[in-house]
Amino acid sequence: MPQIRADREKCEGYGNCVMAAPELVDLDDDGVVVVIRERVDEVDVGKAESAARACPVNALRVDR
């Protein structure tokens, strides 16, 4: 099952990922990405990949 991974050290809090996939990722109180659902169902892989592409600092990736 695909997984979405976040590099919290890279995250700069733009929030583009949250706009692309709010059911998968969010920002914490400090504005740093938090993965809500690490394992991604096949139906949500497209959203996860969109969230990863939306990140200008490449703090997200989807592993298959």
PDB file of N, CA and C in Angstrom:
ATOM      1  N   MET A   1       0.851  -1.180   0.000  1.00  0.00           N
ATOM      2  CA  MET A   1       0.000   0.000   0.000  1.00  0.00           C
ATOM      3  C   MET A   1       0.895   1.242   0.000  1.00  0.00           C
ATOM      4  N   PRO A   2       0.597   2.208  -0.869  1.00  0.00           N
ATOM      5  CA  PRO A   2       1.396   3.434  -0.927  1.00  0.00           C
ATOM      6  C   PRO A   2       1.367   4.184   0.402  1.00  0.00           C
ATOM      7  N   GLN A   3       2.446   4.914   0.650  1.00  0.00           N
ATOM      8  CA  GLN A   3       2.543   5.712   1.872  1.00  0.00           C
ATOM      9  C   GLN A   3       2.972   7.122   1.522  1.00  0.00           C
ATOM     10  N   ILE A   4       2.427   8.075   2.249  1.00  0.00           N
ATOM     11  CA  ILE A   4       2.862   9.458   2.099  1.00  0.00           C
ATOM     12  C   ILE A   4       3.808   9.759   3.256  1.00  0.00           C
ATOM     13  N   ARG A   5       4.932  10.339   2.920  1.00  0.00           N
ATOM     14  CA  ARG A   5       5.965  10.642   3.910  1.00  0.00           C
ATOM     15  C   ARG A   5       6.261  12.142   3.888  1.00  0.00           C
ATOM     16  N   ALA A   6       6.527  12.676   5.049  1.00  0.00           N
ATOM     17  CA  ALA A   6       6.838  14.102   5.171  1.00  0.00           C
ATOM     18  C   ALA A   6       8.209  14.284   5.797  1.00  0.00           C
ATOM     19  N   ASP A   7       8.954  15.213   5.238  1.00  0.00           N
ATOM     20  CA  ASP A   7      10.231  15.631   5.823  1.00  0.00           C
ATOM     21  C   ASP A   7       9.953  16.943   6.548  1.00  0.00           C
ATOM     22  N   ARG A   8       9.679  16.833   7.837  1.00  0.00           N
ATOM     23  CA  ARG A   8       9.298  17.998   8.624  1.00  0.00           C
ATOM     24  C   ARG A   8      10.410  19.042   8.714  1.00  0.00           C
ATOM     25  N   GLU A   9      11.653  18.630   8.519  1.00  0.00           N
ATOM     26  CA  GLU A   9      12.770  19.581   8.538  1.00  0.00           C
ATOM     27  C   GLU A   9      12.750  20.483   7.296  1.00  0.00           C
ATOM     28  N   LYS A  10      12.281  19.957   6.177  1.00  0.00           N
ATOM     29  CA  LYS A  10      12.216  20.735   4.939  1.00  0.00           C
ATOM     30  C   LYS A  10      11.006  21.652   4.885  1.00  0.00           C
ATOM     31  N   CYS A  11       9.935  21.260   5.550  1.00  0.00           N
ATOM     32  CA  CYS A  11       8.666  21.978   5.447  1.00  0.00           C
ATOM     33  C   CYS A  11       8.829  23.442   5.865  1.00  0.00           C
ATOM     34  N   GLU A  12       8.285  24.326   5.028  1.00  0.00           N
ATOM     35  CA  GLU A  12       8.307  25.757   5.330  1.00  0.00           C
ATOM     36  C   GLU A  12       6.907  26.316   5.548  1.00  0.00           C
ATOM     37  N   GLY A  13       5.911  25.419   5.616  1.00  0.00           N
ATOM     38  CA  GLY A  13       4.561  25.819   5.990  1.00  0.00           C
ATOM     39  C   GLY A  13       3.747  26.531   4.930  1.00  0.00           C
ATOM     40  N   TYR A  14       4.040  26.318   3.665  1.00  0.00           N
ATOM     41  CA  TYR A  14       3.268  26.971   2.605  1.00  0.00           C
ATOM     42  C   TYR A  14       1.801  26.545   2.618  1.00  0.00           C
ATOM     43  N   GLY A  15       1.526  25.296   2.953  1.00  0.00           N
ATOM     44  CA  GLY A  15       0.154  24.806   3.030  1.00  0.00           C
ATOM     45  C   GLY A  15      -0.439  24.344   1.712  1.00  0.00           C
ATOM     46  N   ASN A  16       0.337  24.365   0.644  1.00  0.00           N
ATOM     47  CA  ASN A  16      -0.176  23.897  -0.651  1.00  0.00           C
ATOM     48  C   ASN A  16      -0.624  22.446  -0.578  1.00  0.00           C
ATOM     49  N   CYS A  17       0.090  21.656   0.186  1.00  0.00           N
ATOM     50  CA  CYS A  17      -0.247  20.237   0.329  1.00  0.00           C
ATOM     51  C   CYS A  17      -1.611  20.066   0.988  1.00  0.00           C
ATOM     52  N   VAL A  18      -1.904  20.895   1.956  1.00  0.00           N
ATOM     53  CA  VAL A  18      -3.180  20.818   2.665  1.00  0.00           C
ATOM     54  C   VAL A  18      -4.325  21.180   1.715  1.00  0.00           C
ATOM     55  N   MET A  19      -4.107  22.146   0.861  1.00  0.00           N
ATOM     56  CA  MET A  19      -5.139  22.505  -0.110  1.00  0.00           C
ATOM     57  C   MET A  19      -5.380  21.364  -1.098  1.00  0.00           C
ATOM     58  N   ALA A  20      -4.336  20.628  -1.439  1.00  0.00           N
ATOM     59  CA  ALA A  20      -4.450  19.537  -2.405  1.00  0.00           C
ATOM     60  C   ALA A  20      -5.049  18.273  -1.787  1.00  0.00           C
ATOM     61  N   ALA A  21      -4.765  18.016  -0.516  1.00  0.00           N
ATOM     62  CA  ALA A  21      -5.219  16.761   0.110  1.00  0.00           C
ATOM     63  C   ALA A  21      -5.460  16.943   1.603  1.00  0.00           C
ATOM     64  N   PRO A  22      -6.492  17.700   1.978  1.00  0.00           N
ATOM     65  CA  PRO A  22      -6.730  17.972   3.402  1.00  0.00           C
ATOM     66  C   PRO A  22      -7.070  16.729   4.227  1.00  0.00           C
ATOM     67  N   GLU A  23      -7.492  15.653   3.579  1.00  0.00           N
ATOM     68  CA  GLU A  23      -7.789  14.429   4.312  1.00  0.00           C
ATOM     69  C   GLU A  23      -6.532  13.601   4.586  1.00  0.00           C
ATOM     70  N   LEU A  24      -5.403  14.007   3.985  1.00  0.00           N
ATOM     71  CA  LEU A  24      -4.155  13.253   4.149  1.00  0.00           C
ATOM     72  C   LEU A  24      -3.101  13.996   4.961  1.00  0.00           C
ATOM     73  N   VAL A  25      -3.055  15.314   4.823  1.00  0.00           N
ATOM     74  CA  VAL A  25      -2.033  16.108   5.516  1.00  0.00           C
ATOM     75  C   VAL A  25      -2.651  17.367   6.111  1.00  0.00           C
ATOM     76  N   ASP A  26      -1.967  17.917   7.095  1.00  0.00           N
ATOM     77  CA  ASP A  26      -2.393  19.155   7.738  1.00  0.00           C
ATOM     78  C   ASP A  26      -1.142  19.872   8.212  1.00  0.00           C
ATOM     79  N   LEU A  27      -1.317  21.069   8.732  1.00  0.00           N
ATOM     80  CA  LEU A  27      -0.216  21.802   9.360  1.00  0.00           C
ATOM     81  C   LEU A  27      -0.478  21.849  10.854  1.00  0.00           C
ATOM     82  N   ASP A  28       0.581  21.663  11.645  1.00  0.00           N
ATOM     83  CA  ASP A  28       0.426  21.736  13.095  1.00  0.00           C
ATOM     84  C   ASP A  28       0.418  23.196  13.545  1.00  0.00           C
ATOM     85  N   ASP A  29       0.372  23.422  14.826  1.00  0.00           N
ATOM     86  CA  ASP A  29       0.312  24.784  15.372  1.00  0.00           C
ATOM     87  C   ASP A  29       1.526  25.621  15.019  1.00  0.00           C
ATOM     88  N   ASP A  30       2.643  24.956  14.686  1.00  0.00           N
ATOM     89  CA  ASP A  30       3.862  25.663  14.300  1.00  0.00           C
ATOM     90  C   ASP A  30       3.953  25.866  12.791  1.00  0.00           C
ATOM     91  N   GLY A  31       2.930  25.409  12.054  1.00  0.00           N
ATOM     92  CA  GLY A  31       2.931  25.565  10.604  1.00  0.00           C
ATOM     93  C   GLY A  31       3.763  24.526   9.880  1.00  0.00           C
ATOM     94  N   VAL A  32       3.978  23.386  10.502  1.00  0.00           N
ATOM     95  CA  VAL A  32       4.778  22.313   9.910  1.00  0.00           C
ATOM     96  C   VAL A  32       3.848  21.163   9.537  1.00  0.00           C
ATOM     97  N   VAL A  33       4.124  20.558   8.386  1.00  0.00           N
ATOM     98  CA  VAL A  33       3.265  19.494   7.869  1.00  0.00           C
ATOM     99  C   VAL A  33       3.189  18.294   8.823  1.00  0.00           C
ATOM    100  N   VAL A  34       1.979  17.744   8.907  1.00  0.00           N
ATOM    101  CA  VAL A  34       1.700  16.539   9.681  1.00  0.00           C
ATOM    102  C   VAL A  34       0.904  15.604   8.767  1.00  0.00           C
ATOM    103  N   VAL A  35       1.352  14.358   8.683  1.00  0.00           N
ATOM    104  CA  VAL A  35       0.626  13.373   7.878  1.00  0.00           C
ATOM    105  C   VAL A  35      -0.515  12.816   8.727  1.00  0.00           C
ATOM    106  N   ILE A  36      -1.734  12.933   8.227  1.00  0.00           N
ATOM    107  CA  ILE A  36      -2.906  12.434   8.937  1.00  0.00           C
ATOM    108  C   ILE A  36      -3.067  10.940   8.699  1.00  0.00           C
ATOM    109  N   ARG A  37      -2.928  10.541   7.444  1.00  0.00           N
ATOM    110  CA  ARG A  37      -3.015   9.119   7.083  1.00  0.00           C
ATOM    111  C   ARG A  37      -1.771   8.748   6.319  1.00  0.00           C
ATOM    112  N   GLU A  38      -0.887   8.006   6.967  1.00  0.00           N
ATOM    113  CA  GLU A  38       0.367   7.618   6.326  1.00  0.00           C
ATOM    114  C   GLU A  38       0.127   6.635   5.183  1.00  0.00           C
ATOM    115  N   ARG A  39      -0.702   5.620   5.419  1.00  0.00           N
ATOM    116  CA  ARG A  39      -1.023   4.648   4.367  1.00  0.00           C
ATOM    117  C   ARG A  39      -2.157   5.205   3.510  1.00  0.00           C
ATOM    118  N   VAL A  40      -1.925   5.198   2.213  1.00  0.00           N
ATOM    119  CA  VAL A  40      -2.856   5.810   1.277  1.00  0.00           C
ATOM    120  C   VAL A  40      -3.553   4.724   0.459  1.00  0.00           C
ATOM    121  N   ASP A  41      -4.881   4.730   0.488  1.00  0.00           N
ATOM    122  CA  ASP A  41      -5.650   3.816  -0.347  1.00  0.00           C
ATOM    123  C   ASP A  41      -5.406   4.175  -1.814  1.00  0.00           C
ATOM    124  N   GLU A  42      -5.535   3.176  -2.678  1.00  0.00           N
ATOM    125  CA  GLU A  42      -5.313   3.410  -4.108  1.00  0.00           C
ATOM    126  C   GLU A  42      -6.187   4.541  -4.641  1.00  0.00           C
ATOM    127  N   VAL A  43      -7.382   4.664  -4.121  1.00  0.00           N
ATOM    128  CA  VAL A  43      -8.295   5.707  -4.582  1.00  0.00           C
ATOM    129  C   VAL A  43      -7.773   7.108  -4.253  1.00  0.00           C
ATOM    130  N   ASP A  44      -6.933   7.242  -3.236  1.00  0.00           N
ATOM    131  CA  ASP A  44      -6.400   8.542  -2.814  1.00  0.00           C
ATOM    132  C   ASP A  44      -4.961   8.797  -3.257  1.00  0.00           C
ATOM    133  N   VAL A  45      -4.381   7.880  -4.007  1.00  0.00           N
ATOM    134  CA  VAL A  45      -2.990   8.055  -4.435  1.00  0.00           C
ATOM    135  C   VAL A  45      -2.827   9.322  -5.271  1.00  0.00           C
ATOM    136  N   GLY A  46      -3.779   9.596  -6.137  1.00  0.00           N
ATOM    137  CA  GLY A  46      -3.704  10.806  -6.955  1.00  0.00           C
ATOM    138  C   GLY A  46      -3.670  12.070  -6.120  1.00  0.00           C
ATOM    139  N   LYS A  47      -4.475  12.116  -5.063  1.00  0.00           N
ATOM    140  CA  LYS A  47      -4.475  13.270  -4.161  1.00  0.00           C
ATOM    141  C   LYS A  47      -3.136  13.389  -3.436  1.00  0.00           C
ATOM    142  N   ALA A  48      -2.607  12.254  -2.993  1.00  0.00           N
ATOM    143  CA  ALA A  48      -1.324  12.265  -2.295  1.00  0.00           C
ATOM    144  C   ALA A  48      -0.218  12.759  -3.217  1.00  0.00           C
ATOM    145  N   GLU A  49      -0.226  12.295  -4.454  1.00  0.00           N
ATOM    146  CA  GLU A  49       0.790  12.737  -5.410  1.00  0.00           C
ATOM    147  C   GLU A  49       0.625  14.215  -5.747  1.00  0.00           C
ATOM    148  N   SER A  50      -0.610  14.683  -5.822  1.00  0.00           N
ATOM    149  CA  SER A  50      -0.851  16.119  -6.056  1.00  0.00           C
ATOM    150  C   SER A  50      -0.317  16.957  -4.899  1.00  0.00           C
ATOM    151  N   ALA A  51      -0.527  16.468  -3.676  1.00  0.00           N
ATOM    152  CA  ALA A  51      -0.018  17.178  -2.504  1.00  0.00           C
ATOM    153  C   ALA A  51       1.502  17.246  -2.539  1.00  0.00           C
ATOM    154  N   ALA A  52       2.141  16.156  -2.913  1.00  0.00           N
ATOM    155  CA  ALA A  52       3.602  16.123  -2.985  1.00  0.00           C
ATOM    156  C   ALA A  52       4.101  17.076  -4.075  1.00  0.00           C
ATOM    157  N   ARG A  53       3.463  17.083  -5.224  1.00  0.00           N
ATOM    158  CA  ARG A  53       3.864  17.981  -6.318  1.00  0.00           C
ATOM    159  C   ARG A  53       3.638  19.445  -5.953  1.00  0.00           C
ATOM    160  N   ALA A  54       2.624  19.710  -5.129  1.00  0.00           N
ATOM    161  CA  ALA A  54       2.296  21.091  -4.765  1.00  0.00           C
ATOM    162  C   ALA A  54       3.307  21.714  -3.807  1.00  0.00           C
ATOM    163  N   CYS A  55       4.103  20.898  -3.163  1.00  0.00           N
ATOM    164  CA  CYS A  55       5.061  21.411  -2.178  1.00  0.00           C
ATOM    165  C   CYS A  55       6.268  22.034  -2.877  1.00  0.00           C
ATOM    166  N   PRO A  56       6.481  23.334  -2.698  1.00  0.00           N
ATOM    167  CA  PRO A  56       7.595  24.000  -3.376  1.00  0.00           C
ATOM    168  C   PRO A  56       8.975  23.620  -2.826  1.00  0.00           C
ATOM    169  N   VAL A  57       9.024  22.980  -1.670  1.00  0.00           N
ATOM    170  CA  VAL A  57      10.324  22.600  -1.100  1.00  0.00           C
ATOM    171  C   VAL A  57      10.499  21.073  -1.050  1.00  0.00           C
ATOM    172  N   ASN A  58       9.600  20.355  -1.716  1.00  0.00           N
ATOM    173  CA  ASN A  58       9.681  18.890  -1.813  1.00  0.00           C
ATOM    174  C   ASN A  58       9.750  18.208  -0.448  1.00  0.00           C
ATOM    175  N   ALA A  59       8.896  18.649   0.467  1.00  0.00           N
ATOM    176  CA  ALA A  59       8.879  18.062   1.813  1.00  0.00           C
ATOM    177  C   ALA A  59       8.003  16.812   1.894  1.00  0.00           C
ATOM    178  N   LEU A  60       7.266  16.503   0.827  1.00  0.00           N
ATOM    179  CA  LEU A  60       6.409  15.313   0.805  1.00  0.00           C
ATOM    180  C   LEU A  60       6.823  14.397  -0.329  1.00  0.00           C
ATOM    181  N   ARG A  61       6.594  13.098  -0.091  1.00  0.00           N
ATOM    182  CA  ARG A  61       6.790  12.127  -1.176  1.00  0.00           C
ATOM    183  C   ARG A  61       5.812  10.984  -0.955  1.00  0.00           C
ATOM    184  N   VAL A  62       5.513  10.302  -2.042  1.00  0.00           N
ATOM    185  CA  VAL A  62       4.643   9.134  -1.994  1.00  0.00           C
ATOM    186  C   VAL A  62       5.489   7.928  -2.368  1.00  0.00           C
ATOM    187  N   ASP A  63       5.583   6.984  -1.460  1.00  0.00           N
ATOM    188  CA  ASP A  63       6.330   5.743  -1.702  1.00  0.00           C
ATOM    189  C   ASP A  63       5.349   4.640  -2.044  1.00  0.00           C
ATOM    190  N   ARG A  64       5.657   3.923  -3.096  1.00  0.00           N
ATOM    191  CA  ARG A  64       4.804   2.800  -3.493  1.00  0.00           C
ATOM    192  C   ARG A  64       5.459   1.506  -3.109  1.00  0.00           C
TER     193      ARG A  64
END
